[in-house]
Amino acid sequence: MKWEYRTVDWGEIRKIGSRITGEDFIDANVDAGLNFLGQEGWDLVSVYVDGFAMHRTNKGEEMLASSRYVKYTFKRPAADS
């Protein structure tokens, strides 16, 4: 079987969901976005952080993951061509 892959970031998942919920900046948008992609036949196969941001505090610098760097990889059977 041949597979088709799609990688999107957290922001894109949230945008897809906001078109469904009509809301902005809520966790339900991420859920709605993931559910929409599932209905399109996409299966989530990987989530990873593709970068970090440095944050300065009074205790020094901390390396933080930022949601904009979270990537979701999906796959589904490729359409016959």
PDB file of N, CA and C in Angstrom:
ATOM      1  N   MET A   1       0.839  -1.176   0.000  1.00  0.00           N
ATOM      2  CA  MET A   1       0.000   0.000   0.000  1.00  0.00           C
ATOM      3  C   MET A   1       0.885   1.241   0.000  1.00  0.00           C
ATOM      4  N   LYS A   2       0.494   2.228  -0.796  1.00  0.00           N
ATOM      5  CA  LYS A   2       1.213   3.502  -0.830  1.00  0.00           C
ATOM      6  C   LYS A   2       0.500   4.499   0.069  1.00  0.00           C
ATOM      7  N   TRP A   3       1.307   5.354   0.707  1.00  0.00           N
ATOM      8  CA  TRP A   3       0.767   6.328   1.653  1.00  0.00           C
ATOM      9  C   TRP A   3       1.002   7.745   1.169  1.00  0.00           C
ATOM     10  N   GLU A   4       0.117   8.619   1.567  1.00  0.00           N
ATOM     11  CA  GLU A   4       0.237  10.053   1.361  1.00  0.00           C
ATOM     12  C   GLU A   4       0.461  10.655   2.747  1.00  0.00           C
ATOM     13  N   TYR A   5       1.392  11.591   2.864  1.00  0.00           N
ATOM     14  CA  TYR A   5       1.710  12.203   4.157  1.00  0.00           C
ATOM     15  C   TYR A   5       1.419  13.699   4.132  1.00  0.00           C
ATOM     16  N   ARG A   6       1.100  14.220   5.288  1.00  0.00           N
ATOM     17  CA  ARG A   6       0.836  15.654   5.436  1.00  0.00           C
ATOM     18  C   ARG A   6       1.352  16.078   6.801  1.00  0.00           C
ATOM     19  N   THR A   7       2.165  17.133   6.835  1.00  0.00           N
ATOM     20  CA  THR A   7       2.667  17.679   8.095  1.00  0.00           C
ATOM     21  C   THR A   7       2.182  19.113   8.230  1.00  0.00           C
ATOM     22  N   VAL A   8       1.562  19.402   9.351  1.00  0.00           N
ATOM     23  CA  VAL A   8       1.053  20.750   9.625  1.00  0.00           C
ATOM     24  C   VAL A   8       1.449  21.148  11.040  1.00  0.00           C
ATOM     25  N   ASP A   9       1.488  22.450  11.278  1.00  0.00           N
ATOM     26  CA  ASP A   9       1.834  22.901  12.629  1.00  0.00           C
ATOM     27  C   ASP A   9       0.578  23.163  13.452  1.00  0.00           C
ATOM     28  N   TRP A  10       0.803  23.432  14.732  1.00  0.00           N
ATOM     29  CA  TRP A  10      -0.294  23.636  15.674  1.00  0.00           C
ATOM     30  C   TRP A  10      -1.214  24.756  15.220  1.00  0.00           C
ATOM     31  N   GLY A  11      -0.638  25.833  14.693  1.00  0.00           N
ATOM     32  CA  GLY A  11      -1.440  26.967  14.250  1.00  0.00           C
ATOM     33  C   GLY A  11      -2.392  26.600  13.131  1.00  0.00           C
ATOM     34  N   GLU A  12      -1.934  25.783  12.196  1.00  0.00           N
ATOM     35  CA  GLU A  12      -2.799  25.361  11.093  1.00  0.00           C
ATOM     36  C   GLU A  12      -3.929  24.470  11.596  1.00  0.00           C
ATOM     37  N   ILE A  13      -3.624  23.573  12.528  1.00  0.00           N
ATOM     38  CA  ILE A  13      -4.671  22.729  13.127  1.00  0.00           C
ATOM     39  C   ILE A  13      -5.725  23.623  13.789  1.00  0.00           C
ATOM     40  N   ARG A  14      -5.265  24.638  14.520  1.00  0.00           N
ATOM     41  CA  ARG A  14      -6.172  25.554  15.206  1.00  0.00           C
ATOM     42  C   ARG A  14      -7.024  26.343  14.211  1.00  0.00           C
ATOM     43  N   LYS A  15      -6.431  26.771  13.089  1.00  0.00           N
ATOM     44  CA  LYS A  15      -7.184  27.510  12.064  1.00  0.00           C
ATOM     45  C   LYS A  15      -8.267  26.643  11.439  1.00  0.00           C
ATOM     46  N   ILE A  16      -7.938  25.398  11.159  1.00  0.00           N
ATOM     47  CA  ILE A  16      -8.944  24.475  10.615  1.00  0.00           C
ATOM     48  C   ILE A  16     -10.102  24.363  11.598  1.00  0.00           C
ATOM     49  N   GLY A  17      -9.780  24.180  12.870  1.00  0.00           N
ATOM     50  CA  GLY A  17     -10.810  24.048  13.894  1.00  0.00           C
ATOM     51  C   GLY A  17     -11.630  25.308  14.089  1.00  0.00           C
ATOM     52  N   SER A  18     -10.993  26.483  13.970  1.00  0.00           N
ATOM     53  CA  SER A  18     -11.738  27.730  14.182  1.00  0.00           C
ATOM     54  C   SER A  18     -12.777  27.953  13.094  1.00  0.00           C
ATOM     55  N   ARG A  19     -12.545  27.415  11.898  1.00  0.00           N
ATOM     56  CA  ARG A  19     -13.559  27.502  10.837  1.00  0.00           C
ATOM     57  C   ARG A  19     -14.777  26.655  11.197  1.00  0.00           C
ATOM     58  N   ILE A  20     -14.578  25.638  12.012  1.00  0.00           N
ATOM     59  CA  ILE A  20     -15.678  24.764  12.422  1.00  0.00           C
ATOM     60  C   ILE A  20     -16.394  25.344  13.641  1.00  0.00           C
ATOM     61  N   THR A  21     -15.629  25.781  14.645  1.00  0.00           N
ATOM     62  CA  THR A  21     -16.239  26.251  15.895  1.00  0.00           C
ATOM     63  C   THR A  21     -16.675  27.708  15.838  1.00  0.00           C
ATOM     64  N   GLY A  22     -16.059  28.488  14.956  1.00  0.00           N
ATOM     65  CA  GLY A  22     -16.350  29.919  14.908  1.00  0.00           C
ATOM     66  C   GLY A  22     -15.679  30.693  16.026  1.00  0.00           C
ATOM     67  N   GLU A  23     -14.830  30.040  16.801  1.00  0.00           N
ATOM     68  CA  GLU A  23     -14.129  30.673  17.919  1.00  0.00           C
ATOM     69  C   GLU A  23     -12.655  30.846  17.558  1.00  0.00           C
ATOM     70  N   ASP A  24     -11.914  31.508  18.441  1.00  0.00           N
ATOM     71  CA  ASP A  24     -10.489  31.696  18.211  1.00  0.00           C
ATOM     72  C   ASP A  24      -9.731  31.457  19.515  1.00  0.00           C
ATOM     73  N   PHE A  25      -8.545  30.886  19.395  1.00  0.00           N
ATOM     74  CA  PHE A  25      -7.639  30.678  20.524  1.00  0.00           C
ATOM     75  C   PHE A  25      -8.238  29.848  21.654  1.00  0.00           C
ATOM     76  N   ILE A  26      -8.882  28.753  21.316  1.00  0.00           N
ATOM     77  CA  ILE A  26      -9.379  27.841  22.345  1.00  0.00           C
ATOM     78  C   ILE A  26      -8.939  26.425  22.006  1.00  0.00           C
ATOM     79  N   ASP A  27      -8.766  25.605  23.038  1.00  0.00           N
ATOM     80  CA  ASP A  27      -8.332  24.227  22.831  1.00  0.00           C
ATOM     81  C   ASP A  27      -9.320  23.439  21.989  1.00  0.00           C
ATOM     82  N   ALA A  28     -10.600  23.794  22.073  1.00  0.00           N
ATOM     83  CA  ALA A  28     -11.603  23.083  21.278  1.00  0.00           C
ATOM     84  C   ALA A  28     -11.313  23.195  19.789  1.00  0.00           C
ATOM     85  N   ASN A  29     -10.640  24.272  19.373  1.00  0.00           N
ATOM     86  CA  ASN A  29     -10.291  24.407  17.957  1.00  0.00           C
ATOM     87  C   ASN A  29      -9.280  23.347  17.535  1.00  0.00           C
ATOM     88  N   VAL A  30      -8.337  23.046  18.412  1.00  0.00           N
ATOM     89  CA  VAL A  30      -7.359  22.002  18.092  1.00  0.00           C
ATOM     90  C   VAL A  30      -8.078  20.665  17.972  1.00  0.00           C
ATOM     91  N   ASP A  31      -8.968  20.375  18.913  1.00  0.00           N
ATOM     92  CA  ASP A  31      -9.746  19.131  18.847  1.00  0.00           C
ATOM     93  C   ASP A  31     -10.569  19.078  17.564  1.00  0.00           C
ATOM     94  N   ALA A  32     -11.242  20.178  17.237  1.00  0.00           N
ATOM     95  CA  ALA A  32     -12.073  20.215  16.028  1.00  0.00           C
ATOM     96  C   ALA A  32     -11.219  20.044  14.778  1.00  0.00           C
ATOM     97  N   GLY A  33     -10.040  20.660  14.762  1.00  0.00           N
ATOM     98  CA  GLY A  33      -9.138  20.518  13.619  1.00  0.00           C
ATOM     99  C   GLY A  33      -8.658  19.088  13.447  1.00  0.00           C
ATOM    100  N   LEU A  34      -8.281  18.448  14.556  1.00  0.00           N
ATOM    101  CA  LEU A  34      -7.844  17.050  14.490  1.00  0.00           C
ATOM    102  C   LEU A  34      -8.984  16.143  14.049  1.00  0.00           C
ATOM    103  N   ASN A  35     -10.187  16.383  14.576  1.00  0.00           N
ATOM    104  CA  ASN A  35     -11.343  15.574  14.170  1.00  0.00           C
ATOM    105  C   ASN A  35     -11.668  15.759  12.694  1.00  0.00           C
ATOM    106  N   PHE A  36     -11.554  16.987  12.188  1.00  0.00           N
ATOM    107  CA  PHE A  36     -11.810  17.246  10.772  1.00  0.00           C
ATOM    108  C   PHE A  36     -10.835  16.465   9.894  1.00  0.00           C
ATOM    109  N   LEU A  37      -9.550  16.519  10.246  1.00  0.00           N
ATOM    110  CA  LEU A  37      -8.557  15.781   9.460  1.00  0.00           C
ATOM    111  C   LEU A  37      -8.818  14.282   9.526  1.00  0.00           C
ATOM    112  N   GLY A  38      -9.260  13.785  10.675  1.00  0.00           N
ATOM    113  CA  GLY A  38      -9.627  12.374  10.789  1.00  0.00           C
ATOM    114  C   GLY A  38     -10.781  12.015   9.874  1.00  0.00           C
ATOM    115  N   GLN A  39     -11.770  12.894   9.774  1.00  0.00           N
ATOM    116  CA  GLN A  39     -12.902  12.653   8.879  1.00  0.00           C
ATOM    117  C   GLN A  39     -12.480  12.668   7.415  1.00  0.00           C
ATOM    118  N   GLU A  40     -11.382  13.369   7.120  1.00  0.00           N
ATOM    119  CA  GLU A  40     -10.843  13.407   5.760  1.00  0.00           C
ATOM    120  C   GLU A  40      -9.989  12.164   5.466  1.00  0.00           C
ATOM    121  N   GLY A  41      -9.877  11.276   6.451  1.00  0.00           N
ATOM    122  CA  GLY A  41      -9.122  10.043   6.258  1.00  0.00           C
ATOM    123  C   GLY A  41      -7.689  10.081   6.752  1.00  0.00           C
ATOM    124  N   TRP A  42      -7.280  11.194   7.365  1.00  0.00           N
ATOM    125  CA  TRP A  42      -5.914  11.324   7.861  1.00  0.00           C
ATOM    126  C   TRP A  42      -5.787  10.692   9.241  1.00  0.00           C
ATOM    127  N   ASP A  43      -4.741   9.880   9.418  1.00  0.00           N
ATOM    128  CA  ASP A  43      -4.404   9.278  10.714  1.00  0.00           C
ATOM    129  C   ASP A  43      -3.170   9.980  11.264  1.00  0.00           C
ATOM    130  N   LEU A  44      -3.228  10.394  12.523  1.00  0.00           N
ATOM    131  CA  LEU A  44      -2.086  11.032  13.171  1.00  0.00           C
ATOM    132  C   LEU A  44      -1.029   9.974  13.459  1.00  0.00           C
ATOM    133  N   VAL A  45       0.191  10.197  12.965  1.00  0.00           N
ATOM    134  CA  VAL A  45       1.254   9.211  13.175  1.00  0.00           C
ATOM    135  C   VAL A  45       2.421   9.759  13.992  1.00  0.00           C
ATOM    136  N   SER A  46       2.516  11.093  14.124  1.00  0.00           N
ATOM    137  CA  SER A  46       3.657  11.648  14.843  1.00  0.00           C
ATOM    138  C   SER A  46       3.359  13.078  15.278  1.00  0.00           C
ATOM    139  N   VAL A  47       3.871  13.426  16.456  1.00  0.00           N
ATOM    140  CA  VAL A  47       3.854  14.810  16.931  1.00  0.00           C
ATOM    141  C   VAL A  47       5.265  15.096  17.418  1.00  0.00           C
ATOM    142  N   TYR A  48       5.837  16.199  16.976  1.00  0.00           N
ATOM    143  CA  TYR A  48       7.193  16.523  17.413  1.00  0.00           C
ATOM    144  C   TYR A  48       7.375  18.032  17.500  1.00  0.00           C
ATOM    145  N   VAL A  49       8.383  18.446  18.248  1.00  0.00           N
ATOM    146  CA  VAL A  49       8.729  19.856  18.385  1.00  0.00           C
ATOM    147  C   VAL A  49       9.873  20.137  17.427  1.00  0.00           C
ATOM    148  N   ASP A  50       9.660  21.134  16.565  1.00  0.00           N
ATOM    149  CA  ASP A  50      10.624  21.457  15.517  1.00  0.00           C
ATOM    150  C   ASP A  50      11.480  22.672  15.871  1.00  0.00           C
ATOM    151  N   GLY A  51      11.447  23.111  17.087  1.00  0.00           N
ATOM    152  CA  GLY A  51      12.247  24.257  17.490  1.00  0.00           C
ATOM    153  C   GLY A  51      11.898  24.684  18.901  1.00  0.00           C
ATOM    154  N   PHE A  52      12.705  25.539  19.425  1.00  0.00           N
ATOM    155  CA  PHE A  52      12.522  26.027  20.782  1.00  0.00           C
ATOM    156  C   PHE A  52      12.751  27.530  20.808  1.00  0.00           C
ATOM    157  N   ALA A  53      12.247  28.171  21.824  1.00  0.00           N
ATOM    158  CA  ALA A  53      12.470  29.598  22.032  1.00  0.00           C
ATOM    159  C   ALA A  53      13.222  29.771  23.346  1.00  0.00           C
ATOM    160  N   MET A  54      14.127  30.724  23.359  1.00  0.00           N
ATOM    161  CA  MET A  54      14.840  31.039  24.592  1.00  0.00           C
ATOM    162  C   MET A  54      14.050  32.100  25.352  1.00  0.00           C
ATOM    163  N   HIS A  55      13.923  31.907  26.640  1.00  0.00           N
ATOM    164  CA  HIS A  55      13.164  32.825  27.493  1.00  0.00           C
ATOM    165  C   HIS A  55      14.064  33.251  28.641  1.00  0.00           C
ATOM    166  N   ARG A  56      14.207  34.549  28.801  1.00  0.00           N
ATOM    167  CA  ARG A  56      15.044  35.065  29.893  1.00  0.00           C
ATOM    168  C   ARG A  56      14.185  35.332  31.122  1.00  0.00           C
ATOM    169  N   THR A  57      14.646  34.840  32.240  1.00  0.00           N
ATOM    170  CA  THR A  57      13.968  35.097  33.512  1.00  0.00           C
ATOM    171  C   THR A  57      14.992  35.660  34.486  1.00  0.00           C
ATOM    172  N   ASN A  58      14.543  36.004  35.661  1.00  0.00           N
ATOM    173  CA  ASN A  58      15.488  36.489  36.670  1.00  0.00           C
ATOM    174  C   ASN A  58      16.400  35.368  37.164  1.00  0.00           C
ATOM    175  N   LYS A  59      16.108  34.134  36.808  1.00  0.00           N
ATOM    176  CA  LYS A  59      16.946  32.986  37.178  1.00  0.00           C
ATOM    177  C   LYS A  59      17.888  32.585  36.047  1.00  0.00           C
ATOM    178  N   GLY A  60      17.830  33.297  34.925  1.00  0.00           N
ATOM    179  CA  GLY A  60      18.671  32.964  33.784  1.00  0.00           C
ATOM    180  C   GLY A  60      17.820  32.644  32.566  1.00  0.00           C
ATOM    181  N   GLU A  61      18.427  31.988  31.599  1.00  0.00           N
ATOM    182  CA  GLU A  61      17.713  31.631  30.382  1.00  0.00           C
ATOM    183  C   GLU A  61      17.130  30.234  30.488  1.00  0.00           C
ATOM    184  N   GLU A  62      15.945  30.078  29.937  1.00  0.00           N
ATOM    185  CA  GLU A  62      15.301  28.768  29.866  1.00  0.00           C
ATOM    186  C   GLU A  62      14.965  28.487  28.414  1.00  0.00           C
ATOM    187  N   MET A  63      15.097  27.247  28.024  1.00  0.00           N
ATOM    188  CA  MET A  63      14.695  26.853  26.686  1.00  0.00           C
ATOM    189  C   MET A  63      13.272  26.312  26.776  1.00  0.00           C
ATOM    190  N   LEU A  64      12.370  26.903  26.022  1.00  0.00           N
ATOM    191  CA  LEU A  64      10.965  26.528  26.070  1.00  0.00           C
ATOM    192  C   LEU A  64      10.488  26.067  24.703  1.00  0.00           C
ATOM    193  N   ALA A  65       9.642  25.068  24.696  1.00  0.00           N
ATOM    194  CA  ALA A  65       8.967  24.693  23.459  1.00  0.00           C
ATOM    195  C   ALA A  65       7.826  25.679  23.261  1.00  0.00           C
ATOM    196  N   SER A  66       7.592  26.041  22.039  1.00  0.00           N
ATOM    197  CA  SER A  66       6.491  26.949  21.723  1.00  0.00           C
ATOM    198  C   SER A  66       5.504  26.213  20.837  1.00  0.00           C
ATOM    199  N   SER A  67       4.223  26.465  21.041  1.00  0.00           N
ATOM    200  CA  SER A  67       3.211  25.742  20.268  1.00  0.00           C
ATOM    201  C   SER A  67       3.390  25.944  18.776  1.00  0.00           C
ATOM    202  N   ARG A  68       3.961  27.077  18.354  1.00  0.00           N
ATOM    203  CA  ARG A  68       4.129  27.297  16.917  1.00  0.00           C
ATOM    204  C   ARG A  68       5.150  26.343  16.312  1.00  0.00           C
ATOM    205  N   TYR A  69       5.951  25.704  17.147  1.00  0.00           N
ATOM    206  CA  TYR A  69       6.940  24.755  16.654  1.00  0.00           C
ATOM    207  C   TYR A  69       6.465  23.306  16.728  1.00  0.00           C
ATOM    208  N   VAL A  70       5.272  23.071  17.239  1.00  0.00           N
ATOM    209  CA  VAL A  70       4.753  21.705  17.331  1.00  0.00           C
ATOM    210  C   VAL A  70       4.215  21.299  15.971  1.00  0.00           C
ATOM    211  N   LYS A  71       4.704  20.177  15.460  1.00  0.00           N
ATOM    212  CA  LYS A  71       4.307  19.679  14.142  1.00  0.00           C
ATOM    213  C   LYS A  71       3.555  18.363  14.303  1.00  0.00           C
ATOM    214  N   TYR A  72       2.530  18.205  13.499  1.00  0.00           N
ATOM    215  CA  TYR A  72       1.715  16.991  13.478  1.00  0.00           C
ATOM    216  C   TYR A  72       1.877  16.357  12.105  1.00  0.00           C
ATOM    217  N   THR A  73       2.227  15.077  12.060  1.00  0.00           N
ATOM    218  CA  THR A  73       2.332  14.371  10.787  1.00  0.00           C
ATOM    219  C   THR A  73       1.213  13.342  10.706  1.00  0.00           C
ATOM    220  N   PHE A  74       0.530  13.355   9.577  1.00  0.00           N
ATOM    221  CA  PHE A  74      -0.599  12.468   9.310  1.00  0.00           C
ATOM    222  C   PHE A  74      -0.291  11.632   8.082  1.00  0.00           C
ATOM    223  N   LYS A  75      -0.981  10.500   7.957  1.00  0.00           N
ATOM    224  CA  LYS A  75      -0.890   9.711   6.732  1.00  0.00           C
ATOM    225  C   LYS A  75      -2.266   9.154   6.409  1.00  0.00           C
ATOM    226  N   ARG A  76      -2.450   8.841   5.128  1.00  0.00           N
ATOM    227  CA  ARG A  76      -3.659   8.163   4.660  1.00  0.00           C
ATOM    228  C   ARG A  76      -3.290   7.421   3.388  1.00  0.00           C
ATOM    229  N   PRO A  77      -4.075   6.423   3.028  1.00  0.00           N
ATOM    230  CA  PRO A  77      -3.775   5.708   1.791  1.00  0.00           C
ATOM    231  C   PRO A  77      -3.774   6.676   0.610  1.00  0.00           C
ATOM    232  N   ALA A  78      -2.778   6.527  -0.243  1.00  0.00           N
ATOM    233  CA  ALA A  78      -2.677   7.386  -1.425  1.00  0.00           C
ATOM    234  C   ALA A  78      -3.779   7.041  -2.412  1.00  0.00           C
ATOM    235  N   ALA A  79      -4.285   8.069  -3.061  1.00  0.00           N
ATOM    236  CA  ALA A  79      -5.292   7.852  -4.104  1.00  0.00           C
ATOM    237  C   ALA A  79      -4.625   7.159  -5.287  1.00  0.00           C
ATOM    238  N   ASP A  80      -5.350   6.257  -5.915  1.00  0.00           N
ATOM    239  CA  ASP A  80      -4.811   5.590  -7.103  1.00  0.00           C
ATOM    240  C   ASP A  80      -4.621   6.621  -8.199  1.00  0.00           C
ATOM    241  N   SER A  81      -3.448   6.565  -8.837  1.00  0.00           N
ATOM    242  CA  SER A  81      -3.208   7.531  -9.912  1.00  0.00           C
ATOM    243  C   SER A  81      -3.044   6.867 -11.250  1.00  0.00           C
TER     244      SER A  81
END
